[in-house]
N, C-alpha and C. Protein backbone atom coordinates (compact mmCIF):
# COMPACT_ATOMS: atom_id res chain seq x y z
N MET A 1 -1.69 1.26 20.26
CA MET A 1 -2.51 2.08 19.38
C MET A 1 -1.89 2.17 17.99
N GLY A 2 -0.57 2.12 17.91
CA GLY A 2 0.12 2.23 16.63
C GLY A 2 -0.20 1.07 15.70
N ILE A 3 -0.34 -0.13 16.26
CA ILE A 3 -0.64 -1.30 15.43
C ILE A 3 -2.03 -1.18 14.82
N ILE A 4 -2.96 -0.64 15.56
CA ILE A 4 -4.32 -0.45 15.03
C ILE A 4 -4.30 0.53 13.86
N ILE A 5 -3.52 1.60 13.99
CA ILE A 5 -3.39 2.57 12.90
C ILE A 5 -2.77 1.89 11.67
N TRP A 6 -1.72 1.08 11.88
CA TRP A 6 -1.09 0.34 10.79
C TRP A 6 -2.11 -0.53 10.08
N LEU A 7 -2.94 -1.24 10.84
CA LEU A 7 -3.94 -2.13 10.26
C LEU A 7 -4.99 -1.35 9.46
N ILE A 8 -5.42 -0.23 10.00
CA ILE A 8 -6.42 0.59 9.30
C ILE A 8 -5.84 1.17 8.02
N VAL A 9 -4.64 1.75 8.12
CA VAL A 9 -3.98 2.32 6.94
C VAL A 9 -3.72 1.22 5.91
N GLY A 10 -3.23 0.08 6.37
CA GLY A 10 -2.96 -1.04 5.46
C GLY A 10 -4.22 -1.54 4.77
N ALA A 11 -5.31 -1.65 5.52
CA ALA A 11 -6.57 -2.12 4.93
C ALA A 11 -7.08 -1.15 3.88
N ILE A 12 -7.05 0.13 4.18
CA ILE A 12 -7.54 1.13 3.22
C ILE A 12 -6.66 1.15 1.98
N ALA A 13 -5.34 1.20 2.18
CA ALA A 13 -4.41 1.27 1.05
C ALA A 13 -4.47 -0.01 0.21
N GLY A 14 -4.52 -1.16 0.85
CA GLY A 14 -4.59 -2.42 0.12
C GLY A 14 -5.89 -2.56 -0.66
N TRP A 15 -6.98 -2.14 -0.07
CA TRP A 15 -8.28 -2.20 -0.75
C TRP A 15 -8.29 -1.27 -1.96
N LEU A 16 -7.80 -0.04 -1.78
CA LEU A 16 -7.74 0.91 -2.89
C LEU A 16 -6.84 0.40 -4.01
N ALA A 17 -5.69 -0.15 -3.64
CA ALA A 17 -4.76 -0.68 -4.65
C ALA A 17 -5.39 -1.85 -5.39
N GLY A 18 -6.14 -2.70 -4.68
CA GLY A 18 -6.84 -3.80 -5.31
C GLY A 18 -7.89 -3.33 -6.30
N MET A 19 -8.50 -2.17 -6.03
CA MET A 19 -9.48 -1.61 -6.94
C MET A 19 -8.81 -1.02 -8.18
N VAL A 20 -7.63 -0.45 -8.02
CA VAL A 20 -6.93 0.19 -9.14
C VAL A 20 -6.28 -0.84 -10.05
N VAL A 21 -5.61 -1.82 -9.44
CA VAL A 21 -4.94 -2.86 -10.22
C VAL A 21 -5.97 -3.94 -10.50
N LYS A 22 -6.15 -4.26 -11.76
CA LYS A 22 -7.16 -5.24 -12.16
C LYS A 22 -6.98 -6.57 -11.44
N GLY A 23 -8.06 -7.25 -11.19
CA GLY A 23 -7.99 -8.55 -10.54
C GLY A 23 -8.54 -8.54 -9.13
N GLY A 24 -8.95 -7.38 -8.64
CA GLY A 24 -9.54 -7.29 -7.32
C GLY A 24 -8.55 -7.45 -6.20
N GLY A 25 -9.07 -7.50 -5.01
CA GLY A 25 -8.24 -7.58 -3.82
C GLY A 25 -7.99 -9.02 -3.40
N PHE A 26 -7.42 -9.16 -2.22
CA PHE A 26 -7.08 -10.46 -1.67
C PHE A 26 -7.89 -10.76 -0.40
N GLY A 27 -9.01 -10.13 -0.21
CA GLY A 27 -9.77 -10.28 1.02
C GLY A 27 -9.25 -9.32 2.07
N LEU A 28 -9.89 -9.27 3.20
CA LEU A 28 -9.54 -8.29 4.23
C LEU A 28 -8.11 -8.47 4.73
N ILE A 29 -7.76 -9.68 5.13
CA ILE A 29 -6.41 -9.93 5.65
C ILE A 29 -5.37 -9.70 4.57
N GLY A 30 -5.62 -10.18 3.37
CA GLY A 30 -4.69 -9.99 2.26
C GLY A 30 -4.49 -8.52 1.91
N ASP A 31 -5.60 -7.76 1.92
CA ASP A 31 -5.50 -6.32 1.64
C ASP A 31 -4.69 -5.61 2.71
N ILE A 32 -4.88 -5.99 3.97
CA ILE A 32 -4.11 -5.39 5.06
C ILE A 32 -2.62 -5.67 4.87
N ILE A 33 -2.30 -6.91 4.54
CA ILE A 33 -0.89 -7.29 4.35
C ILE A 33 -0.30 -6.55 3.16
N VAL A 34 -1.05 -6.49 2.05
CA VAL A 34 -0.57 -5.76 0.87
C VAL A 34 -0.38 -4.29 1.20
N GLY A 35 -1.29 -3.71 1.94
CA GLY A 35 -1.18 -2.29 2.33
C GLY A 35 0.01 -2.02 3.23
N ILE A 36 0.25 -2.90 4.20
CA ILE A 36 1.39 -2.72 5.11
C ILE A 36 2.70 -2.89 4.35
N ILE A 37 2.80 -3.93 3.52
CA ILE A 37 4.01 -4.13 2.73
C ILE A 37 4.18 -2.96 1.75
N GLY A 38 3.08 -2.49 1.18
CA GLY A 38 3.13 -1.32 0.31
C GLY A 38 3.63 -0.08 1.03
N GLY A 39 3.22 0.09 2.28
CA GLY A 39 3.72 1.20 3.08
C GLY A 39 5.22 1.11 3.31
N LEU A 40 5.70 -0.10 3.55
CA LEU A 40 7.14 -0.29 3.73
C LEU A 40 7.89 0.00 2.43
N ILE A 41 7.34 -0.48 1.31
CA ILE A 41 7.97 -0.23 0.00
C ILE A 41 8.02 1.28 -0.27
N ALA A 42 6.89 1.94 -0.07
CA ALA A 42 6.84 3.38 -0.33
C ALA A 42 7.74 4.15 0.63
N GLY A 43 7.80 3.73 1.88
CA GLY A 43 8.67 4.40 2.86
C GLY A 43 10.13 4.28 2.50
N TRP A 44 10.50 3.21 1.82
CA TRP A 44 11.88 3.04 1.40
C TRP A 44 12.14 3.69 0.03
N LEU A 45 11.23 3.50 -0.92
CA LEU A 45 11.47 3.91 -2.30
C LEU A 45 11.23 5.40 -2.56
N LEU A 46 10.13 5.93 -2.08
CA LEU A 46 9.76 7.31 -2.43
C LEU A 46 10.80 8.35 -2.01
N PRO A 47 11.37 8.30 -0.80
CA PRO A 47 12.40 9.29 -0.48
C PRO A 47 13.64 9.18 -1.37
N ARG A 48 13.94 7.99 -1.85
CA ARG A 48 15.10 7.80 -2.72
C ARG A 48 14.92 8.42 -4.09
N ILE A 49 13.67 8.55 -4.54
CA ILE A 49 13.44 9.20 -5.83
C ILE A 49 13.03 10.66 -5.66
N GLY A 50 13.07 11.15 -4.44
CA GLY A 50 12.80 12.56 -4.17
C GLY A 50 11.35 12.93 -3.97
N LEU A 51 10.49 11.96 -3.72
CA LEU A 51 9.06 12.21 -3.51
C LEU A 51 8.71 11.87 -2.07
N VAL A 52 8.45 12.91 -1.28
CA VAL A 52 8.09 12.70 0.12
C VAL A 52 6.77 13.39 0.38
N ILE A 53 5.79 12.62 0.85
CA ILE A 53 4.47 13.15 1.15
C ILE A 53 4.32 13.15 2.67
N VAL A 54 4.10 14.32 3.24
CA VAL A 54 3.93 14.43 4.69
C VAL A 54 2.58 15.06 4.99
N GLY A 55 2.04 14.77 6.16
CA GLY A 55 0.78 15.39 6.51
C GLY A 55 -0.17 14.50 7.27
N GLY A 56 0.32 13.58 8.06
CA GLY A 56 -0.55 12.80 8.91
C GLY A 56 -1.02 11.50 8.29
N ILE A 57 -2.19 11.07 8.74
CA ILE A 57 -2.70 9.76 8.36
C ILE A 57 -3.09 9.71 6.88
N VAL A 58 -3.57 10.81 6.33
CA VAL A 58 -3.92 10.84 4.91
C VAL A 58 -2.67 10.62 4.06
N ALA A 59 -1.57 11.25 4.43
CA ALA A 59 -0.31 11.05 3.72
C ALA A 59 0.18 9.61 3.87
N ASP A 60 -0.02 9.02 5.04
CA ASP A 60 0.35 7.62 5.24
C ASP A 60 -0.45 6.70 4.33
N ILE A 61 -1.73 6.98 4.18
CA ILE A 61 -2.58 6.17 3.30
C ILE A 61 -2.14 6.34 1.85
N ILE A 62 -1.83 7.57 1.44
CA ILE A 62 -1.38 7.80 0.07
C ILE A 62 -0.06 7.08 -0.19
N ASN A 63 0.88 7.19 0.75
CA ASN A 63 2.17 6.50 0.61
C ASN A 63 1.97 4.99 0.52
N ALA A 64 1.18 4.43 1.42
CA ALA A 64 0.94 2.99 1.43
C ALA A 64 0.22 2.56 0.16
N PHE A 65 -0.68 3.39 -0.33
CA PHE A 65 -1.40 3.09 -1.58
C PHE A 65 -0.43 3.02 -2.75
N ILE A 66 0.47 3.99 -2.85
CA ILE A 66 1.46 3.99 -3.94
C ILE A 66 2.32 2.73 -3.86
N GLY A 67 2.78 2.40 -2.68
CA GLY A 67 3.59 1.19 -2.51
C GLY A 67 2.81 -0.08 -2.80
N ALA A 68 1.55 -0.12 -2.40
CA ALA A 68 0.72 -1.30 -2.64
C ALA A 68 0.44 -1.49 -4.13
N VAL A 69 0.24 -0.40 -4.85
CA VAL A 69 0.04 -0.49 -6.29
C VAL A 69 1.30 -1.04 -6.95
N ILE A 70 2.46 -0.53 -6.54
CA ILE A 70 3.73 -1.04 -7.07
C ILE A 70 3.85 -2.53 -6.79
N LEU A 71 3.55 -2.94 -5.56
CA LEU A 71 3.62 -4.35 -5.18
C LEU A 71 2.67 -5.20 -6.02
N LEU A 72 1.44 -4.78 -6.19
CA LEU A 72 0.46 -5.56 -6.95
C LEU A 72 0.83 -5.66 -8.43
N VAL A 73 1.37 -4.58 -8.99
CA VAL A 73 1.80 -4.63 -10.39
C VAL A 73 2.92 -5.65 -10.54
N ILE A 74 3.88 -5.65 -9.62
CA ILE A 74 4.98 -6.62 -9.68
C ILE A 74 4.45 -8.04 -9.53
N VAL A 75 3.53 -8.26 -8.59
CA VAL A 75 2.94 -9.59 -8.39
C VAL A 75 2.20 -10.05 -9.64
N ARG A 76 1.43 -9.16 -10.25
CA ARG A 76 0.69 -9.53 -11.47
C ARG A 76 1.65 -9.87 -12.62
N LEU A 77 2.76 -9.13 -12.73
CA LEU A 77 3.74 -9.42 -13.79
C LEU A 77 4.42 -10.76 -13.56
N ILE A 78 4.70 -11.09 -12.31
CA ILE A 78 5.34 -12.38 -12.00
C ILE A 78 4.38 -13.53 -12.24
N LYS A 79 3.10 -13.35 -11.93
CA LYS A 79 2.11 -14.42 -12.11
C LYS A 79 1.88 -14.75 -13.58
N ARG A 80 2.17 -13.82 -14.47
CA ARG A 80 2.00 -14.09 -15.90
C ARG A 80 2.96 -15.11 -16.28
């Protein structure tokens, strides 16, 4: 059941990040991957800067979204 939650959170966060960062998303699979990697980035980075969001699945989506936006911005800068 945990993997399904990861996929759902990753898909939502990746899709939202694709909407915020210009250039659109990467399709369903790409958005899921971006969202999951974003969740890992946020899970590592946010506590180190003193920002911890708790509160269930909504907090997980927000965390993954923040990480996915960071990831997409870095990818866009590298592609330039």
